[in-house]
Amino acid sequence: MKIQNDKQTVSYKGKQFYDKRYGYRFELENNRVMVYKDNNIFVKDLKSGFKYSTDKNFDSVFKLSFIGEYVGLVYTNEKIKVSSKTIDNKKYEVISLDIPGNNKNINKANLYIDADNEKPEYLSIYDWRDTEKIKVQYSKFDFNKELNKNLFVIE
């Protein structure tokens, strides 16, 4: 994931998990684990061991990287566009939508789905000027993988 602002570009690597019964889990490099459940985010700093929780709405960036959050926006958004695009001889289905809210840096997004294997490949999020601000690259995407519920518990 690359996040760009006017001064710098910050890159993160992470691993995401989702189970409709337990929520989302995001392992942010070797620094932090975040579990998104109901309306909360449970966080554990792996270096200090410090744990805390916060409201789900506190995070306006990382939560958008979850495919489930994007799909939720598809179902509630009035302005959706689906198109086909070829980039470097690779065909994609592109789902474009507006992101609700008052954040001018997170205004709209395009989800690129590989047309051959139907897996998401990357998500681009744009500001109000159509400048790409966030790019999430998905790799090793597995559908319907059985996950242990303990993965979604912060201890």
C-alpha atoms as a PDB file:
ATOM      1  CA  MET A   1       0.000   0.000   0.000  1.00  0.00           C
ATOM      2  CA  LYS A   2       1.323   3.409  -0.936  1.00  0.00           C
ATOM      3  CA  ILE A   3      -0.107   6.560   0.590  1.00  0.00           C
ATOM      4  CA  GLN A   4       0.865   9.843  -1.013  1.00  0.00           C
ATOM      5  CA  ASN A   5       0.446  13.371   0.268  1.00  0.00           C
ATOM      6  CA  ASP A   6       1.936  16.679  -0.837  1.00  0.00           C
ATOM      7  CA  LYS A   7       5.216  16.061   1.004  1.00  0.00           C
ATOM      8  CA  GLN A   8       5.932  12.338   0.832  1.00  0.00           C
ATOM      9  CA  THR A   9       4.915   8.847  -0.189  1.00  0.00           C
ATOM     10  CA  VAL A  10       4.694   6.249   2.579  1.00  0.00           C
ATOM     11  CA  SER A  11       4.707   2.543   1.739  1.00  0.00           C
ATOM     12  CA  TYR A  12       3.283  -0.220   3.921  1.00  0.00           C
ATOM     13  CA  LYS A  13       3.212  -3.976   3.567  1.00  0.00           C
ATOM     14  CA  GLY A  14       0.598  -6.027   5.297  1.00  0.00           C
ATOM     15  CA  LYS A  15      -1.581  -9.069   5.331  1.00  0.00           C
ATOM     16  CA  GLN A  16      -5.372  -9.005   5.472  1.00  0.00           C
ATOM     17  CA  PHE A  17      -7.906 -11.574   6.604  1.00  0.00           C
ATOM     18  CA  TYR A  18     -11.682 -11.478   6.522  1.00  0.00           C
ATOM     19  CA  ASP A  19     -14.391 -13.693   7.951  1.00  0.00           C
ATOM     20  CA  LYS A  20     -17.990 -12.502   7.935  1.00  0.00           C
ATOM     21  CA  ARG A  21     -18.472 -13.946  11.433  1.00  0.00           C
ATOM     22  CA  TYR A  22     -15.397 -12.387  13.042  1.00  0.00           C
ATOM     23  CA  GLY A  23     -14.511  -9.254  11.088  1.00  0.00           C
ATOM     24  CA  TYR A  24     -11.288  -8.066   9.473  1.00  0.00           C
ATOM     25  CA  ARG A  25      -7.687  -8.499  10.560  1.00  0.00           C
ATOM     26  CA  PHE A  26      -4.860  -6.382   9.211  1.00  0.00           C
ATOM     27  CA  GLU A  27      -1.258  -7.234  10.065  1.00  0.00           C
ATOM     28  CA  LEU A  28       0.727  -4.106   9.303  1.00  0.00           C
ATOM     29  CA  GLU A  29       4.272  -5.269   8.656  1.00  0.00           C
ATOM     30  CA  ASN A  30       5.836  -6.439  11.939  1.00  0.00           C
ATOM     31  CA  ASN A  31       4.602  -3.380  13.795  1.00  0.00           C
ATOM     32  CA  ARG A  32       0.906  -3.639  14.466  1.00  0.00           C
ATOM     33  CA  VAL A  33      -2.137  -5.902  14.303  1.00  0.00           C
ATOM     34  CA  MET A  34      -5.584  -4.377  13.870  1.00  0.00           C
ATOM     35  CA  VAL A  35      -8.859  -6.269  14.183  1.00  0.00           C
ATOM     36  CA  TYR A  36     -11.960  -4.526  12.846  1.00  0.00           C
ATOM     37  CA  LYS A  37     -15.039  -5.940  14.517  1.00  0.00           C
ATOM     38  CA  ASP A  38     -18.509  -4.425  14.758  1.00  0.00           C
ATOM     39  CA  ASN A  39     -17.883  -0.689  15.189  1.00  0.00           C
ATOM     40  CA  ASN A  40     -14.462  -0.991  16.811  1.00  0.00           C
ATOM     41  CA  ILE A  41     -10.827  -1.388  15.884  1.00  0.00           C
ATOM     42  CA  PHE A  42      -8.759  -3.429  18.334  1.00  0.00           C
ATOM     43  CA  VAL A  43      -5.064  -2.637  17.982  1.00  0.00           C
ATOM     44  CA  LYS A  44      -1.930  -4.289  19.313  1.00  0.00           C
ATOM     45  CA  ASP A  45       1.476  -2.691  18.908  1.00  0.00           C
ATOM     46  CA  LEU A  46       3.773  -5.685  18.411  1.00  0.00           C
ATOM     47  CA  LYS A  47       6.930  -3.903  19.539  1.00  0.00           C
ATOM     48  CA  SER A  48       5.655  -2.458  22.819  1.00  0.00           C
ATOM     49  CA  GLY A  49       2.829  -4.936  23.469  1.00  0.00           C
ATOM     50  CA  PHE A  50       0.488  -1.988  24.059  1.00  0.00           C
ATOM     51  CA  LYS A  51      -3.183  -2.706  23.246  1.00  0.00           C
ATOM     52  CA  TYR A  52      -6.075  -0.332  22.757  1.00  0.00           C
ATOM     53  CA  SER A  53      -9.356   0.027  20.913  1.00  0.00           C
ATOM     54  CA  THR A  54     -10.927   2.869  19.002  1.00  0.00           C
ATOM     55  CA  ASP A  55     -14.024   3.605  16.957  1.00  0.00           C
ATOM     56  CA  LYS A  56     -14.063   2.102  13.451  1.00  0.00           C
ATOM     57  CA  ASN A  57     -14.684   5.523  11.924  1.00  0.00           C
ATOM     58  CA  PHE A  58     -11.360   6.736  13.338  1.00  0.00           C
ATOM     59  CA  ASP A  59      -9.613   4.951  10.445  1.00  0.00           C
ATOM     60  CA  SER A  60     -10.435   6.402   7.053  1.00  0.00           C
ATOM     61  CA  VAL A  61      -7.507   4.870   5.150  1.00  0.00           C
ATOM     62  CA  PHE A  62      -6.675   1.284   6.091  1.00  0.00           C
ATOM     63  CA  LYS A  63     -10.310   0.164   6.280  1.00  0.00           C
ATOM     64  CA  LEU A  64     -10.825   1.153   2.637  1.00  0.00           C
ATOM     65  CA  SER A  65      -8.153  -1.365   1.639  1.00  0.00           C
ATOM     66  CA  PHE A  66     -10.445  -4.248   2.648  1.00  0.00           C
ATOM     67  CA  ILE A  67     -12.341  -5.687  -0.310  1.00  0.00           C
ATOM     68  CA  GLY A  68     -15.414  -6.146   1.917  1.00  0.00           C
ATOM     69  CA  GLU A  69     -15.498  -2.435   2.721  1.00  0.00           C
ATOM     70  CA  TYR A  70     -15.296  -1.626  -0.981  1.00  0.00           C
ATOM     71  CA  VAL A  71     -18.099  -4.070  -1.773  1.00  0.00           C
ATOM     72  CA  GLY A  72     -20.171  -2.396   0.956  1.00  0.00           C
ATOM     73  CA  LEU A  73     -19.657   0.934  -0.802  1.00  0.00           C
ATOM     74  CA  VAL A  74     -20.767  -0.643  -4.085  1.00  0.00           C
ATOM     75  CA  TYR A  75     -24.077  -1.660  -2.501  1.00  0.00           C
ATOM     76  CA  THR A  76     -24.735   1.760  -0.966  1.00  0.00           C
ATOM     77  CA  ASN A  77     -23.346   4.029  -3.674  1.00  0.00           C
ATOM     78  CA  GLU A  78     -25.583   5.711  -6.215  1.00  0.00           C
ATOM     79  CA  LYS A  79     -22.816   6.461  -8.694  1.00  0.00           C
ATOM     80  CA  ILE A  80     -21.061   3.260  -9.814  1.00  0.00           C
ATOM     81  CA  LYS A  81     -19.359   2.612 -13.113  1.00  0.00           C
ATOM     82  CA  VAL A  82     -18.127  -0.774 -14.342  1.00  0.00           C
ATOM     83  CA  SER A  83     -15.791  -0.857 -17.312  1.00  0.00           C
ATOM     84  CA  SER A  84     -13.161  -2.993 -18.998  1.00  0.00           C
ATOM     85  CA  LYS A  85      -9.599  -1.805 -19.359  1.00  0.00           C
ATOM     86  CA  THR A  86      -6.393  -3.284 -20.759  1.00  0.00           C
ATOM     87  CA  ILE A  87      -3.141  -2.271 -19.070  1.00  0.00           C
ATOM     88  CA  ASP A  88       0.165  -3.757 -20.246  1.00  0.00           C
ATOM     89  CA  ASN A  89      -1.699  -6.443 -22.246  1.00  0.00           C
ATOM     90  CA  LYS A  90      -3.658  -7.503 -19.160  1.00  0.00           C
ATOM     91  CA  LYS A  91      -7.447  -7.211 -19.088  1.00  0.00           C
ATOM     92  CA  TYR A  92      -9.235  -5.806 -16.054  1.00  0.00           C
ATOM     93  CA  GLU A  93     -12.787  -5.204 -14.963  1.00  0.00           C
ATOM     94  CA  VAL A  94     -12.767  -1.835 -13.207  1.00  0.00           C
ATOM     95  CA  ILE A  95     -15.363  -0.893 -10.602  1.00  0.00           C
ATOM     96  CA  SER A  96     -15.354   2.871 -10.057  1.00  0.00           C
ATOM     97  CA  LEU A  97     -17.285   4.710  -7.365  1.00  0.00           C
ATOM     98  CA  ASP A  98     -17.440   7.833  -5.249  1.00  0.00           C
ATOM     99  CA  ILE A  99     -16.404   7.544  -1.611  1.00  0.00           C
ATOM    100  CA  PRO A 100     -18.865   9.263   0.739  1.00  0.00           C
ATOM    101  CA  GLY A 101     -17.655  11.738   3.330  1.00  0.00           C
ATOM    102  CA  ASN A 102     -16.020  15.118   3.558  1.00  0.00           C
ATOM    103  CA  ASN A 103     -12.400  14.066   3.037  1.00  0.00           C
ATOM    104  CA  LYS A 104     -11.186  15.740  -0.165  1.00  0.00           C
ATOM    105  CA  ASN A 105      -8.148  13.425  -0.234  1.00  0.00           C
ATOM    106  CA  ILE A 106     -10.366  10.325  -0.367  1.00  0.00           C
ATOM    107  CA  ASN A 107     -12.965  11.158  -2.979  1.00  0.00           C
ATOM    108  CA  LYS A 108     -13.310   8.261  -5.415  1.00  0.00           C
ATOM    109  CA  ALA A 109     -11.811   4.859  -6.131  1.00  0.00           C
ATOM    110  CA  ASN A 110     -11.211   2.264  -8.821  1.00  0.00           C
ATOM    111  CA  LEU A 111     -10.932  -1.435  -8.020  1.00  0.00           C
ATOM    112  CA  TYR A 112      -9.073  -3.379 -10.732  1.00  0.00           C
ATOM    113  CA  ILE A 113     -10.087  -7.027 -10.999  1.00  0.00           C
ATOM    114  CA  ASP A 114      -8.074  -9.417 -13.162  1.00  0.00           C
ATOM    115  CA  ALA A 115     -10.505 -10.463 -15.911  1.00  0.00           C
ATOM    116  CA  ASP A 116      -8.918 -13.922 -16.224  1.00  0.00           C
ATOM    117  CA  ASN A 117      -8.919 -15.141 -12.610  1.00  0.00           C
ATOM    118  CA  GLU A 118     -11.533 -12.703 -11.216  1.00  0.00           C
ATOM    119  CA  LYS A 119      -9.289 -11.724  -8.297  1.00  0.00           C
ATOM    120  CA  PRO A 120      -8.749  -8.127  -7.208  1.00  0.00           C
ATOM    121  CA  GLU A 121      -5.314  -6.912  -8.210  1.00  0.00           C
ATOM    122  CA  TYR A 122      -5.220  -3.346  -6.986  1.00  0.00           C
ATOM    123  CA  LEU A 123      -7.270  -0.464  -5.666  1.00  0.00           C
ATOM    124  CA  SER A 124      -6.562   3.171  -6.504  1.00  0.00           C
ATOM    125  CA  ILE A 125      -8.058   5.955  -4.399  1.00  0.00           C
ATOM    126  CA  TYR A 126      -8.144   9.511  -5.729  1.00  0.00           C
ATOM    127  CA  ASP A 127      -8.605  12.970  -4.285  1.00  0.00           C
ATOM    128  CA  TRP A 128     -11.074  15.570  -5.534  1.00  0.00           C
ATOM    129  CA  ARG A 129      -8.592  16.582  -8.281  1.00  0.00           C
ATOM    130  CA  ASP A 130      -8.363  12.985  -9.595  1.00  0.00           C
ATOM    131  CA  THR A 131      -4.816  12.614  -8.266  1.00  0.00           C
ATOM    132  CA  GLU A 132      -4.030   9.113  -7.029  1.00  0.00           C
ATOM    133  CA  LYS A 133      -3.440   9.312  -3.265  1.00  0.00           C
ATOM    134  CA  ILE A 134      -3.567   5.662  -2.207  1.00  0.00           C
ATOM    135  CA  LYS A 135      -2.700   2.517  -4.118  1.00  0.00           C
ATOM    136  CA  VAL A 136      -3.280  -0.916  -2.620  1.00  0.00           C
ATOM    137  CA  GLN A 137      -1.716  -3.890  -4.406  1.00  0.00           C
ATOM    138  CA  TYR A 138      -3.283  -7.286  -3.629  1.00  0.00           C
ATOM    139  CA  SER A 139      -1.206 -10.452  -3.940  1.00  0.00           C
ATOM    140  CA  LYS A 140      -1.904 -14.048  -2.957  1.00  0.00           C
ATOM    141  CA  PHE A 141      -5.631 -13.336  -2.744  1.00  0.00           C
ATOM    142  CA  ASP A 142      -7.545 -16.429  -1.558  1.00  0.00           C
ATOM    143  CA  PHE A 143     -11.337 -16.682  -1.727  1.00  0.00           C
ATOM    144  CA  ASN A 144     -13.360 -18.390   1.018  1.00  0.00           C
ATOM    145  CA  LYS A 145     -10.417 -19.615   3.032  1.00  0.00           C
ATOM    146  CA  GLU A 146     -11.410 -21.173   6.375  1.00  0.00           C
ATOM    147  CA  LEU A 147      -9.996 -19.041   9.201  1.00  0.00           C
ATOM    148  CA  ASN A 148      -9.644 -19.743  12.912  1.00  0.00           C
ATOM    149  CA  LYS A 149     -11.672 -17.344  15.084  1.00  0.00           C
ATOM    150  CA  ASN A 150      -8.645 -16.841  17.364  1.00  0.00           C
ATOM    151  CA  LEU A 151      -7.040 -14.936  14.511  1.00  0.00           C
ATOM    152  CA  PHE A 152      -9.560 -12.166  15.249  1.00  0.00           C
ATOM    153  CA  VAL A 153      -8.785 -11.892  18.968  1.00  0.00           C
ATOM    154  CA  ILE A 154      -6.207  -9.394  20.210  1.00  0.00           C
ATOM    155  CA  GLU A 155      -4.363 -10.894  23.172  1.00  0.00           C
END
